């Protein structure tokens, strides 16, 4: 890994792309984003320019992600961190059908993945666009699979007790803290 220039990029292109995608997903686009943040559209554009002297505050990005109901920014940060963002749902609103739906969504994404691979490798080479499509699809496969497993375990497994040996449950805040105490 080249560590010489890793600090130079204060606002990476992948983050700007995720913020722009988030803004575009708002029904009112940039006008609505500016309204949510209490700034002008020019303030948004100035902070999203490549080679600009201003950066887009992470707090703003998170407000817009929340307003849009998307996870574009969280997904982009996860990808850049070589991780997968697994959005959690309120366990009180989950039933067996939801758990099975996540499994079916995973299978659907795997089917798409197979089709993309066949198409991309037909000519013996995967180009940049094909690779991006495969990576996006692969990310969705992993995220949906992790959502399925997380819901399955949160619904049907007993929470893990995190107390150290010898700690009394009355004094420990860690007891049954894995996703909250389901017995309460």
C-alpha atoms as a PDB file:
ATOM      1  CA  UNK A   1       0.000   0.000   0.000  1.00  0.00           C
ATOM      2  CA  UNK A   2       1.330   3.416  -0.941  1.00  0.00           C
ATOM      3  CA  UNK A   3       1.359   5.510   2.244  1.00  0.00           C
ATOM      4  CA  UNK A   4       3.131   8.496   0.691  1.00  0.00           C
ATOM      5  CA  UNK A   5       0.018  10.315  -0.515  1.00  0.00           C
ATOM      6  CA  UNK A   6      -2.782   8.859   1.587  1.00  0.00           C
ATOM      7  CA  UNK A   7      -3.355  12.089   3.528  1.00  0.00           C
ATOM      8  CA  UNK A   8      -3.491  14.366   0.485  1.00  0.00           C
ATOM      9  CA  UNK A   9      -7.060  13.585  -0.524  1.00  0.00           C
ATOM     10  CA  UNK A  10      -9.205  15.449   1.980  1.00  0.00           C
ATOM     11  CA  UNK A  11     -12.454  14.782   0.144  1.00  0.00           C
ATOM     12  CA  UNK A  12     -12.182  11.621  -1.939  1.00  0.00           C
ATOM     13  CA  UNK A  13     -14.062  11.254  -5.209  1.00  0.00           C
ATOM     14  CA  UNK A  14     -15.889   8.143  -3.945  1.00  0.00           C
ATOM     15  CA  UNK A  15     -17.360  10.173  -1.049  1.00  0.00           C
ATOM     16  CA  UNK A  16     -18.376  13.047  -3.325  1.00  0.00           C
ATOM     17  CA  UNK A  17     -20.069  10.542  -5.657  1.00  0.00           C
ATOM     18  CA  UNK A  18     -22.001   9.015  -2.735  1.00  0.00           C
ATOM     19  CA  UNK A  19     -23.102  12.448  -1.500  1.00  0.00           C
ATOM     20  CA  UNK A  20     -24.235  13.446  -5.007  1.00  0.00           C
ATOM     21  CA  UNK A  21     -26.135  10.159  -5.357  1.00  0.00           C
ATOM     22  CA  UNK A  22     -27.801  10.816  -2.000  1.00  0.00           C
ATOM     23  CA  UNK A  23     -28.784  14.355  -3.038  1.00  0.00           C
ATOM     24  CA  UNK A  24     -30.117  13.060  -6.354  1.00  0.00           C
ATOM     25  CA  UNK A  25     -32.290  10.548  -4.521  1.00  0.00           C
ATOM     26  CA  UNK A  26     -34.163  13.348  -2.740  1.00  0.00           C
ATOM     27  CA  UNK A  27     -37.378  14.222  -4.607  1.00  0.00           C
ATOM     28  CA  UNK A  28     -36.340  17.878  -4.745  1.00  0.00           C
ATOM     29  CA  UNK A  29     -32.680  17.191  -5.486  1.00  0.00           C
ATOM     30  CA  UNK A  30     -30.228  19.960  -4.681  1.00  0.00           C
ATOM     31  CA  UNK A  31     -32.977  22.449  -3.798  1.00  0.00           C
ATOM     32  CA  UNK A  32     -34.370  20.077  -1.185  1.00  0.00           C
ATOM     33  CA  UNK A  33     -30.886  19.242   0.114  1.00  0.00           C
ATOM     34  CA  UNK A  34     -30.135  22.939   0.568  1.00  0.00           C
ATOM     35  CA  UNK A  35     -33.411  23.349   2.427  1.00  0.00           C
ATOM     36  CA  UNK A  36     -32.656  20.413   4.748  1.00  0.00           C
ATOM     37  CA  UNK A  37     -29.278  21.936   5.603  1.00  0.00           C
ATOM     38  CA  UNK A  38     -30.355  25.575   5.739  1.00  0.00           C
ATOM     39  CA  UNK A  39     -27.818  26.632   3.111  1.00  0.00           C
ATOM     40  CA  UNK A  40     -27.902  27.735  -0.510  1.00  0.00           C
ATOM     41  CA  UNK A  41     -27.561  25.400  -3.475  1.00  0.00           C
ATOM     42  CA  UNK A  42     -24.334  27.252  -4.308  1.00  0.00           C
ATOM     43  CA  UNK A  43     -22.979  26.251  -0.884  1.00  0.00           C
ATOM     44  CA  UNK A  44     -23.612  22.604  -1.812  1.00  0.00           C
ATOM     45  CA  UNK A  45     -22.051  22.907  -5.260  1.00  0.00           C
ATOM     46  CA  UNK A  46     -19.003  24.729  -3.854  1.00  0.00           C
ATOM     47  CA  UNK A  47     -18.363  21.931  -1.374  1.00  0.00           C
ATOM     48  CA  UNK A  48     -18.752  19.185  -3.977  1.00  0.00           C
ATOM     49  CA  UNK A  49     -16.416  20.654  -6.621  1.00  0.00           C
ATOM     50  CA  UNK A  50     -13.358  18.634  -7.484  1.00  0.00           C
ATOM     51  CA  UNK A  51     -10.212  20.520  -6.548  1.00  0.00           C
ATOM     52  CA  UNK A  52     -12.292  23.017  -4.579  1.00  0.00           C
ATOM     53  CA  UNK A  53     -11.106  24.755  -1.448  1.00  0.00           C
ATOM     54  CA  UNK A  54     -14.123  23.709   0.645  1.00  0.00           C
ATOM     55  CA  UNK A  55     -15.205  20.283   1.850  1.00  0.00           C
ATOM     56  CA  UNK A  56     -18.639  18.852   2.464  1.00  0.00           C
ATOM     57  CA  UNK A  57     -19.117  18.328   6.219  1.00  0.00           C
ATOM     58  CA  UNK A  58     -19.800  14.729   7.235  1.00  0.00           C
ATOM     59  CA  UNK A  59     -22.623  15.944   9.483  1.00  0.00           C
ATOM     60  CA  UNK A  60     -24.355  17.414   6.425  1.00  0.00           C
ATOM     61  CA  UNK A  61     -23.878  14.169   4.540  1.00  0.00           C
ATOM     62  CA  UNK A  62     -25.474  12.204   7.364  1.00  0.00           C
ATOM     63  CA  UNK A  63     -28.453  14.598   7.548  1.00  0.00           C
ATOM     64  CA  UNK A  64     -29.034  14.166   3.818  1.00  0.00           C
ATOM     65  CA  UNK A  65     -28.664  10.388   4.040  1.00  0.00           C
ATOM     66  CA  UNK A  66     -31.290  10.318   6.801  1.00  0.00           C
ATOM     67  CA  UNK A  67     -33.595  12.628   4.831  1.00  0.00           C
ATOM     68  CA  UNK A  68     -33.249  10.546   1.675  1.00  0.00           C
ATOM     69  CA  UNK A  69     -33.850   7.222   3.388  1.00  0.00           C
ATOM     70  CA  UNK A  70     -30.861   5.796   1.503  1.00  0.00           C
ATOM     71  CA  UNK A  71     -27.562   4.325   2.656  1.00  0.00           C
ATOM     72  CA  UNK A  72     -25.360   5.504  -0.234  1.00  0.00           C
ATOM     73  CA  UNK A  73     -22.849   7.238   2.031  1.00  0.00           C
ATOM     74  CA  UNK A  74     -22.694   4.433   4.602  1.00  0.00           C
ATOM     75  CA  UNK A  75     -22.256   1.909   1.793  1.00  0.00           C
ATOM     76  CA  UNK A  76     -19.476   3.981   0.209  1.00  0.00           C
ATOM     77  CA  UNK A  77     -17.619   4.299   3.513  1.00  0.00           C
ATOM     78  CA  UNK A  78     -18.020   0.558   4.085  1.00  0.00           C
ATOM     79  CA  UNK A  79     -16.691  -0.284   0.631  1.00  0.00           C
ATOM     80  CA  UNK A  80     -13.722   2.020   1.113  1.00  0.00           C
ATOM     81  CA  UNK A  81     -13.070   0.312   4.465  1.00  0.00           C
ATOM     82  CA  UNK A  82     -13.226  -3.113   2.811  1.00  0.00           C
ATOM     83  CA  UNK A  83     -16.399  -3.836   4.783  1.00  0.00           C
ATOM     84  CA  UNK A  84     -20.092  -4.323   4.185  1.00  0.00           C
ATOM     85  CA  UNK A  85     -22.747  -2.049   5.671  1.00  0.00           C
ATOM     86  CA  UNK A  86     -25.577  -4.132   7.102  1.00  0.00           C
ATOM     87  CA  UNK A  87     -28.557  -1.904   7.898  1.00  0.00           C
ATOM     88  CA  UNK A  88     -30.406  -3.140  10.968  1.00  0.00           C
ATOM     89  CA  UNK A  89     -34.157  -3.085  11.307  1.00  0.00           C
ATOM     90  CA  UNK A  90     -36.266  -2.685  14.413  1.00  0.00           C
ATOM     91  CA  UNK A  91     -36.589  -6.241  15.707  1.00  0.00           C
ATOM     92  CA  UNK A  92     -40.108  -5.510  16.962  1.00  0.00           C
ATOM     93  CA  UNK A  93     -41.249  -5.046  13.354  1.00  0.00           C
ATOM     94  CA  UNK A  94     -39.761  -8.314  12.065  1.00  0.00           C
ATOM     95  CA  UNK A  95     -41.546 -11.575  11.440  1.00  0.00           C
ATOM     96  CA  UNK A  96     -40.486 -14.844   9.814  1.00  0.00           C
ATOM     97  CA  UNK A  97     -41.587 -13.571   6.402  1.00  0.00           C
ATOM     98  CA  UNK A  98     -39.134 -10.643   6.663  1.00  0.00           C
ATOM     99  CA  UNK A  99     -36.299 -13.031   7.465  1.00  0.00           C
ATOM    100  CA  UNK A 100     -37.200 -15.226   4.505  1.00  0.00           C
ATOM    101  CA  UNK A 101     -37.586 -12.158   2.259  1.00  0.00           C
ATOM    102  CA  UNK A 102     -33.951 -11.203   2.971  1.00  0.00           C
ATOM    103  CA  UNK A 103     -32.901 -14.728   2.007  1.00  0.00           C
ATOM    104  CA  UNK A 104     -34.900 -14.539  -1.227  1.00  0.00           C
ATOM    105  CA  UNK A 105     -33.405 -11.111  -2.003  1.00  0.00           C
ATOM    106  CA  UNK A 106     -29.937 -12.642  -1.555  1.00  0.00           C
ATOM    107  CA  UNK A 107     -30.792 -15.420  -3.981  1.00  0.00           C
ATOM    108  CA  UNK A 108     -32.117 -12.875  -6.505  1.00  0.00           C
ATOM    109  CA  UNK A 109     -28.879 -10.862  -6.259  1.00  0.00           C
ATOM    110  CA  UNK A 110     -26.842 -14.063  -6.685  1.00  0.00           C
ATOM    111  CA  UNK A 111     -28.834 -14.779  -9.864  1.00  0.00           C
ATOM    112  CA  UNK A 112     -28.002 -11.299 -11.160  1.00  0.00           C
ATOM    113  CA  UNK A 113     -24.375 -11.867 -10.222  1.00  0.00           C
ATOM    114  CA  UNK A 114     -24.249 -15.048 -12.294  1.00  0.00           C
ATOM    115  CA  UNK A 115     -25.731 -13.253 -15.301  1.00  0.00           C
ATOM    116  CA  UNK A 116     -23.269 -10.344 -14.943  1.00  0.00           C
ATOM    117  CA  UNK A 117     -20.325 -12.756 -14.744  1.00  0.00           C
ATOM    118  CA  UNK A 118     -21.404 -14.640 -17.851  1.00  0.00           C
ATOM    119  CA  UNK A 119     -21.811 -11.415 -19.798  1.00  0.00           C
ATOM    120  CA  UNK A 120     -18.606  -9.839 -18.492  1.00  0.00           C
ATOM    121  CA  UNK A 121     -16.395 -12.851 -19.159  1.00  0.00           C
ATOM    122  CA  UNK A 122     -17.870 -13.772 -22.550  1.00  0.00           C
ATOM    123  CA  UNK A 123     -15.136 -11.835 -24.355  1.00  0.00           C
ATOM    124  CA  UNK A 124     -12.388 -13.120 -22.064  1.00  0.00           C
ATOM    125  CA  UNK A 125     -11.881  -9.826 -20.233  1.00  0.00           C
ATOM    126  CA  UNK A 126     -13.693  -7.829 -17.555  1.00  0.00           C
ATOM    127  CA  UNK A 127     -13.563  -4.104 -18.381  1.00  0.00           C
ATOM    128  CA  UNK A 128     -13.848  -1.240 -15.887  1.00  0.00           C
ATOM    129  CA  UNK A 129     -17.633  -0.815 -16.274  1.00  0.00           C
ATOM    130  CA  UNK A 130     -18.253  -4.542 -15.966  1.00  0.00           C
ATOM    131  CA  UNK A 131     -16.077  -4.695 -12.876  1.00  0.00           C
ATOM    132  CA  UNK A 132     -18.000  -1.827 -11.262  1.00  0.00           C
ATOM    133  CA  UNK A 133     -21.286  -3.604 -11.990  1.00  0.00           C
ATOM    134  CA  UNK A 134     -19.984  -6.886 -10.561  1.00  0.00           C
ATOM    135  CA  UNK A 135     -18.629  -5.149  -7.465  1.00  0.00           C
ATOM    136  CA  UNK A 136     -21.928  -3.319  -6.842  1.00  0.00           C
ATOM    137  CA  UNK A 137     -23.886  -6.520  -7.244  1.00  0.00           C
ATOM    138  CA  UNK A 138     -21.473  -8.494  -5.068  1.00  0.00           C
ATOM    139  CA  UNK A 139     -21.817  -5.875  -2.360  1.00  0.00           C
ATOM    140  CA  UNK A 140     -25.604  -6.258  -2.452  1.00  0.00           C
ATOM    141  CA  UNK A 141     -25.307 -10.059  -2.222  1.00  0.00           C
ATOM    142  CA  UNK A 142     -23.149  -9.742   0.884  1.00  0.00           C
ATOM    143  CA  UNK A 143     -25.318  -7.068   2.502  1.00  0.00           C
ATOM    144  CA  UNK A 144     -28.583  -8.958   1.949  1.00  0.00           C
ATOM    145  CA  UNK A 145     -27.021 -12.186   3.214  1.00  0.00           C
ATOM    146  CA  UNK A 146     -25.776 -10.442   6.366  1.00  0.00           C
ATOM    147  CA  UNK A 147     -29.186  -8.835   6.904  1.00  0.00           C
ATOM    148  CA  UNK A 148     -30.773 -12.285   6.670  1.00  0.00           C
ATOM    149  CA  UNK A 149     -28.335 -13.800   9.187  1.00  0.00           C
ATOM    150  CA  UNK A 150     -28.595 -10.845  11.561  1.00  0.00           C
ATOM    151  CA  UNK A 151     -32.395 -10.981  11.575  1.00  0.00           C
ATOM    152  CA  UNK A 152     -32.349 -14.754  11.981  1.00  0.00           C
ATOM    153  CA  UNK A 153     -30.040 -14.606  14.986  1.00  0.00           C
ATOM    154  CA  UNK A 154     -31.676 -11.571  16.570  1.00  0.00           C
ATOM    155  CA  UNK A 155     -35.065 -13.255  16.318  1.00  0.00           C
ATOM    156  CA  UNK A 156     -34.293 -16.848  17.289  1.00  0.00           C
ATOM    157  CA  UNK A 157     -31.109 -16.806  19.426  1.00  0.00           C
ATOM    158  CA  UNK A 158     -30.806 -15.967  23.075  1.00  0.00           C
ATOM    159  CA  UNK A 159     -28.785 -12.790  23.631  1.00  0.00           C
ATOM    160  CA  UNK A 160     -25.203 -13.335  24.713  1.00  0.00           C
ATOM    161  CA  UNK A 161     -24.350 -12.353  28.245  1.00  0.00           C
ATOM    162  CA  UNK A 162     -21.322 -10.117  28.290  1.00  0.00           C
ATOM    163  CA  UNK A 163     -20.694 -10.095  32.047  1.00  0.00           C
ATOM    164  CA  UNK A 164     -17.243 -10.869  33.285  1.00  0.00           C
ATOM    165  CA  UNK A 165     -17.111 -13.880  35.625  1.00  0.00           C
ATOM    166  CA  UNK A 166     -17.949 -12.865  39.165  1.00  0.00           C
ATOM    167  CA  UNK A 167     -19.872  -9.709  38.225  1.00  0.00           C
ATOM    168  CA  UNK A 168     -23.332  -9.473  39.644  1.00  0.00           C
ATOM    169  CA  UNK A 169     -26.042  -8.867  37.041  1.00  0.00           C
ATOM    170  CA  UNK A 170     -27.442  -6.023  39.125  1.00  0.00           C
ATOM    171  CA  UNK A 171     -24.224  -4.029  38.759  1.00  0.00           C
ATOM    172  CA  UNK A 172     -23.367  -4.883  35.169  1.00  0.00           C
ATOM    173  CA  UNK A 173     -24.623  -2.806  32.276  1.00  0.00           C
ATOM    174  CA  UNK A 174     -23.276  -5.365  29.826  1.00  0.00           C
ATOM    175  CA  UNK A 175     -25.720  -8.180  30.586  1.00  0.00           C
ATOM    176  CA  UNK A 176     -27.815  -9.159  27.593  1.00  0.00           C
ATOM    177  CA  UNK A 177     -26.590  -6.176  25.635  1.00  0.00           C
ATOM    178  CA  UNK A 178     -26.277  -7.964  22.306  1.00  0.00           C
ATOM    179  CA  UNK A 179     -28.832  -5.918  20.297  1.00  0.00           C
ATOM    180  CA  UNK A 180     -30.705  -5.212  23.489  1.00  0.00           C
ATOM    181  CA  UNK A 181     -32.362  -7.445  26.024  1.00  0.00           C
ATOM    182  CA  UNK A 182     -35.197  -9.286  24.241  1.00  0.00           C
ATOM    183  CA  UNK A 183     -36.617 -10.483  27.563  1.00  0.00           C
ATOM    184  CA  UNK A 184     -37.420  -7.005  28.862  1.00  0.00           C
END
